[in-house]
Amino acid sequence: MSNSEERVRVTVNEHGVAEVAMVRADKMNAIDAAMFEALNRAILQLRDHAGLRAVVLHGEGRAFCAGLDMGRFQQMGEGKTAGTLGADLLDRTHGLANAAQHVGWGWRELPVPVIAAVQGVAFGGGLQIALGADVRIVHPQARMSVMEVKWGLVPDMSGCVFMTELVRADVLRELTFSGRIVEGVEAQAIGLATRVAEDPLAEAREFAARIAASSPDAIRAAKRLLNGASPVNAKDVLLAEAHEQKALIGSPNQREAALAGLEKRAPVFR
């Protein structure tokens, strides 16, 4: 199956292991409107797949996902905020989440384990998609970043829920305030990655096959139990993300951050 202008390809093998591949390789799988739509459709398709045992999530080409498409930042810099991240970010269109958040949060809500194989870059929204997986197998030289601050924004695709679970509080603040890039080995050390591997996709496939060979009742029960054990109030945090981002998008300093980033110059903030 393919989705929305060939942005995402979904296959399910005879053992119930699904592969979800972002296939916009020429743009490093950057997220545009069609990618948002395709990822959300893929999640909904898999949610209703009765024989599903595990999911492998990856990006084709040299990157997992480079984050939001540059065209969207251009729109923001020009003050054309309509449609940049969906309609009203406060609308809970996908359960606890809005459409943008669901491309990360939706993996958590699938009843089976999701394993992300990360190579190249996972920046901004791309990182948040990866964080939605239960496990992240990352290349040692992969680069990951909470990059939203570069564009005058905050993480608002469910990343605040996942990062709060995974990363020590002061480290998370440092990453979010700085937007600095960490490579795979450091990402594992601080909690963004589960483990590193020279061939993340092969390792993810092997792990998924091992899961598929286990009792599906036990696996699904384990995911429900572990989801319920999270100390984060996801409902409140997801709504708070939306409130903060809605206030930022199109504001003078956010527009200046976006333009400065696109023009590769130092921003001049009010």
Protein backbone atom coordinates (compact mmCIF):
# COMPACT_ATOMS: atom_id res chain seq x y z
CA MET A 1 0.00 0.00 0.00
CA SER A 2 1.17 3.55 -0.66
CA ASN A 3 -0.26 6.81 0.59
CA SER A 4 -0.68 10.45 -0.39
CA GLU A 5 1.57 11.19 -3.36
CA GLU A 6 3.85 8.26 -2.53
CA ARG A 7 4.96 9.76 0.78
CA VAL A 8 4.59 6.53 2.76
CA ARG A 9 4.68 2.85 1.84
CA VAL A 10 3.10 0.23 4.12
CA THR A 11 3.67 -3.51 3.74
CA VAL A 12 2.67 -6.36 6.05
CA ASN A 13 4.32 -9.78 5.75
CA GLU A 14 2.83 -13.20 6.40
CA HIS A 15 4.00 -13.08 10.03
CA GLY A 16 2.09 -9.88 10.79
CA VAL A 17 5.14 -7.60 10.76
CA ALA A 18 4.41 -4.26 9.10
CA GLU A 19 6.99 -1.96 7.58
CA VAL A 20 6.16 1.71 7.31
CA ALA A 21 8.65 3.54 5.10
CA MET A 22 8.73 7.27 4.50
CA VAL A 23 9.61 7.42 0.81
CA ARG A 24 10.29 11.08 0.10
CA ALA A 25 14.02 10.33 -0.14
CA ASP A 26 14.84 13.26 -2.44
CA LYS A 27 13.76 15.62 0.37
CA MET A 28 15.27 13.54 3.20
CA ASN A 29 11.69 12.53 4.05
CA ALA A 30 10.82 16.07 5.15
CA ILE A 31 7.28 16.48 6.45
CA ASP A 32 4.86 18.36 4.22
CA ALA A 33 1.07 18.24 4.24
CA ALA A 34 1.04 15.05 2.19
CA MET A 35 3.48 13.37 4.59
CA PHE A 36 1.33 14.29 7.60
CA GLU A 37 -1.70 12.85 5.84
CA ALA A 38 0.12 9.69 4.73
CA LEU A 39 1.58 8.92 8.15
CA ASN A 40 -1.76 9.41 9.86
CA ARG A 41 -3.48 7.23 7.31
CA ALA A 42 -0.85 4.51 7.76
CA ILE A 43 -1.34 4.54 11.54
CA LEU A 44 -5.11 4.23 11.15
CA GLN A 45 -4.72 1.40 8.64
CA LEU A 46 -2.48 -0.54 11.00
CA ARG A 47 -4.66 0.12 14.03
CA ASP A 48 -7.45 -1.86 12.34
CA HIS A 49 -5.19 -4.69 11.11
CA ALA A 50 -6.32 -7.73 13.13
CA GLY A 51 -3.23 -9.87 12.53
CA LEU A 52 -0.66 -7.18 13.27
CA ARG A 53 2.27 -8.30 15.48
CA ALA A 54 4.89 -5.53 15.20
CA VAL A 55 5.80 -2.44 13.16
CA VAL A 56 9.15 -1.34 11.74
CA LEU A 57 9.26 2.41 11.01
CA HIS A 58 12.02 3.89 8.84
CA GLY A 59 12.90 6.41 6.18
CA GLU A 60 14.22 5.55 2.74
CA GLY A 61 17.41 7.08 1.43
CA ARG A 62 20.02 8.85 3.51
CA ALA A 63 17.78 10.13 6.31
CA PHE A 64 15.08 9.00 8.69
CA CYS A 65 13.32 12.38 8.53
CA ALA A 66 14.78 15.89 8.28
CA GLY A 67 11.79 17.51 10.00
CA LEU A 68 9.30 20.01 8.70
CA ASP A 69 9.53 20.84 5.01
CA MET A 70 11.40 24.07 4.26
CA GLY A 71 8.43 25.38 2.33
CA ARG A 72 6.47 25.50 5.56
CA PHE A 73 9.13 27.60 7.24
CA GLN A 74 9.07 29.92 4.24
CA GLN A 75 5.32 30.32 4.75
CA MET A 76 5.87 31.10 8.42
CA GLY A 77 8.57 33.65 7.66
CA GLU A 78 6.24 35.39 5.24
CA GLY A 79 3.44 35.39 7.80
CA LYS A 80 1.36 32.88 5.82
CA THR A 81 0.47 30.74 8.81
CA ALA A 82 -2.79 29.33 7.49
CA GLY A 83 -2.31 25.68 6.77
CA THR A 84 1.26 25.51 8.01
CA LEU A 85 0.53 22.92 10.67
CA GLY A 86 -3.07 22.03 10.05
CA ALA A 87 -6.19 23.96 10.98
CA ASP A 88 -6.56 24.82 14.65
CA LEU A 89 -3.85 23.14 16.72
CA LEU A 90 -6.22 23.07 19.70
CA ASP A 91 -8.67 20.78 17.89
CA ARG A 92 -8.34 17.20 19.19
CA THR A 93 -8.94 15.54 15.83
CA HIS A 94 -7.21 12.25 16.71
CA GLY A 95 -8.25 11.31 20.24
CA LEU A 96 -5.91 13.14 22.63
CA ALA A 97 -3.97 14.66 19.74
CA ASN A 98 -4.24 17.00 16.79
CA ALA A 99 -3.23 15.79 13.32
CA ALA A 100 0.37 16.97 13.66
CA GLN A 101 0.81 15.34 17.06
CA HIS A 102 -0.73 12.10 15.88
CA VAL A 103 2.19 11.29 13.54
CA GLY A 104 4.18 10.74 16.74
CA TRP A 105 1.52 9.90 19.30
CA GLY A 106 -0.24 7.46 16.99
CA TRP A 107 2.61 4.93 17.24
CA ARG A 108 2.18 4.86 21.01
CA GLU A 109 -1.51 4.11 20.57
CA LEU A 110 -0.99 1.15 18.22
CA PRO A 111 -1.60 -2.08 20.17
CA VAL A 112 1.72 -3.67 19.12
CA PRO A 113 5.38 -2.67 19.51
CA VAL A 114 6.81 -0.15 17.05
CA ILE A 115 10.55 -0.19 16.32
CA ALA A 116 12.11 2.82 14.60
CA ALA A 117 15.28 2.34 12.55
CA VAL A 118 17.08 5.68 12.39
CA GLN A 119 19.87 6.60 9.98
CA GLY A 120 21.11 9.93 8.73
CA VAL A 121 19.14 12.65 10.50
CA ALA A 122 16.07 12.84 12.71
CA PHE A 123 15.57 16.56 13.26
CA GLY A 124 12.68 18.41 14.88
CA GLY A 125 9.44 16.76 13.83
CA GLY A 126 11.43 13.84 12.47
CA LEU A 127 12.83 13.17 15.92
CA GLN A 128 9.36 13.35 17.42
CA ILE A 129 8.09 10.74 14.94
CA ALA A 130 10.94 8.44 15.98
CA LEU A 131 10.24 9.06 19.66
CA GLY A 132 6.70 7.77 19.20
CA ALA A 133 8.14 4.30 18.61
CA ASP A 134 8.56 1.93 21.54
CA VAL A 135 12.19 1.25 20.59
CA ARG A 136 14.71 3.26 18.53
CA ILE A 137 17.66 1.48 16.92
CA VAL A 138 20.02 4.17 15.69
CA HIS A 139 23.15 4.27 13.57
CA PRO A 140 26.19 5.44 15.61
CA GLN A 141 26.65 8.44 13.29
CA ALA A 142 22.97 9.30 13.01
CA ARG A 143 22.23 12.87 14.07
CA MET A 144 19.26 13.84 16.22
CA SER A 145 18.09 17.25 17.37
CA VAL A 146 15.25 18.99 19.19
CA MET A 147 15.62 21.66 16.52
CA GLU A 148 12.41 23.66 16.90
CA VAL A 149 14.07 26.58 18.69
CA LYS A 150 16.02 27.37 15.50
CA TRP A 151 12.71 28.25 13.86
CA GLY A 152 11.24 30.11 16.85
CA LEU A 153 9.03 27.16 17.80
CA VAL A 154 8.64 24.50 20.48
CA PRO A 155 8.30 20.71 20.10
CA ASP A 156 4.59 20.21 19.46
CA MET A 157 4.26 16.82 17.74
CA SER A 158 3.98 14.88 21.04
CA GLY A 159 7.70 15.08 21.67
CA CYS A 160 7.27 16.69 25.08
CA VAL A 161 5.47 13.57 26.31
CA PHE A 162 8.10 11.15 25.04
CA MET A 163 11.20 13.19 25.91
CA THR A 164 9.97 13.73 29.45
CA GLU A 165 9.70 9.96 29.81
CA LEU A 166 13.10 9.23 28.28
CA VAL A 167 15.55 12.01 29.12
CA ARG A 168 16.78 13.46 32.41
CA ALA A 169 15.08 16.80 33.02
CA ASP A 170 18.15 19.05 32.85
CA VAL A 171 19.47 17.29 29.75
CA LEU A 172 16.09 17.69 28.06
CA ARG A 173 16.07 21.40 28.85
CA GLU A 174 19.59 21.80 27.48
CA LEU A 175 18.67 20.01 24.25
CA THR A 176 15.45 22.01 23.82
CA PHE A 177 16.95 25.41 24.64
CA SER A 178 20.04 24.88 22.44
CA GLY A 179 18.73 22.80 19.54
CA ARG A 180 22.15 21.15 19.38
CA ILE A 181 22.72 17.99 17.40
CA VAL A 182 23.67 14.74 19.12
CA GLU A 183 25.01 11.67 17.35
CA GLY A 184 23.79 8.13 17.87
CA VAL A 185 26.20 7.09 20.62
CA GLU A 186 25.38 10.15 22.75
CA ALA A 187 21.70 9.75 21.93
CA GLN A 188 21.81 6.28 23.45
CA ALA A 189 23.67 7.53 26.51
CA ILE A 190 21.10 10.25 27.26
CA GLY A 191 18.00 8.18 26.43
CA LEU A 192 16.89 9.34 22.98
CA ALA A 193 18.05 6.05 21.41
CA THR A 194 17.50 2.54 22.73
CA ARG A 195 20.70 1.18 21.20
CA VAL A 196 23.05 1.77 18.28
CA ALA A 197 23.72 -0.57 15.36
CA GLU A 198 25.66 -0.35 12.10
CA ASP A 199 22.56 -1.56 10.24
CA PRO A 200 19.55 -0.23 12.17
CA LEU A 201 16.96 -1.47 9.68
CA ALA A 202 18.27 -5.04 9.71
CA GLU A 203 18.34 -5.03 13.52
CA ALA A 204 14.82 -3.58 13.67
CA ARG A 205 13.53 -6.27 11.32
CA GLU A 206 15.20 -8.99 13.38
CA PHE A 207 13.69 -7.64 16.60
CA ALA A 208 10.25 -7.37 15.00
CA ALA A 209 10.48 -10.99 13.84
CA ARG A 210 11.34 -12.04 17.39
CA ILE A 211 8.29 -10.18 18.70
CA ALA A 212 6.10 -11.78 16.03
CA ALA A 213 7.21 -15.21 17.26
CA SER A 214 5.97 -14.46 20.79
CA SER A 215 2.42 -14.73 22.11
CA PRO A 216 0.47 -11.82 20.59
CA ASP A 217 -1.76 -11.70 23.67
CA ALA A 218 1.24 -11.26 25.97
CA ILE A 219 2.88 -8.67 23.71
CA ARG A 220 -0.27 -6.56 23.46
CA ALA A 221 -0.90 -6.86 27.19
CA ALA A 222 2.67 -5.75 27.89
CA LYS A 223 2.30 -2.67 25.71
CA ARG A 224 -0.98 -1.72 27.41
CA LEU A 225 0.64 -2.17 30.82
CA LEU A 226 3.74 -0.15 29.97
CA ASN A 227 1.69 2.62 28.34
CA GLY A 228 -0.40 2.85 31.49
CA ALA A 229 2.70 3.05 33.66
CA SER A 230 3.88 6.31 32.10
CA PRO A 231 4.18 9.09 34.71
CA VAL A 232 3.32 11.76 32.12
CA ASN A 233 -0.23 13.11 31.87
CA ALA A 234 -0.29 12.90 28.08
CA LYS A 235 -3.68 14.58 27.69
CA ASP A 236 -2.56 17.74 29.46
CA VAL A 237 0.91 17.86 27.89
CA LEU A 238 -0.39 17.40 24.34
CA LEU A 239 -2.89 20.21 24.82
CA ALA A 240 -0.20 22.43 26.37
CA GLU A 241 2.04 21.83 23.34
CA ALA A 242 -0.76 23.01 21.08
CA HIS A 243 -1.44 26.14 23.14
CA GLU A 244 2.23 27.18 23.22
CA GLN A 245 2.81 26.53 19.52
CA LYS A 246 -0.37 28.29 18.44
CA ALA A 247 0.77 31.41 20.28
CA LEU A 248 4.23 31.27 18.67
CA ILE A 249 3.37 30.60 15.01
CA GLY A 250 3.25 33.84 13.08
CA SER A 251 4.45 36.00 15.97
CA PRO A 252 7.12 38.61 15.05
CA ASN A 253 10.03 36.78 16.65
CA GLN A 254 8.96 33.44 15.21
CA ARG A 255 8.76 34.93 11.73
CA GLU A 256 12.20 36.47 12.20
CA ALA A 257 13.65 33.15 13.37
CA ALA A 258 12.24 31.38 10.31
CA LEU A 259 13.50 34.02 7.87
CA ALA A 260 16.94 34.12 9.48
CA GLY A 261 17.19 30.35 9.28
CA LEU A 262 16.23 30.32 5.62
CA GLU A 263 18.52 33.23 4.80
CA LYS A 264 21.39 31.75 6.87
CA ARG A 265 21.94 34.90 8.90
CA ALA A 266 21.83 35.86 12.53
CA PRO A 267 18.30 36.71 13.66
CA VAL A 268 17.44 40.14 15.05
CA PHE A 269 14.75 39.68 17.68
CA ARG A 270 12.51 42.33 19.17
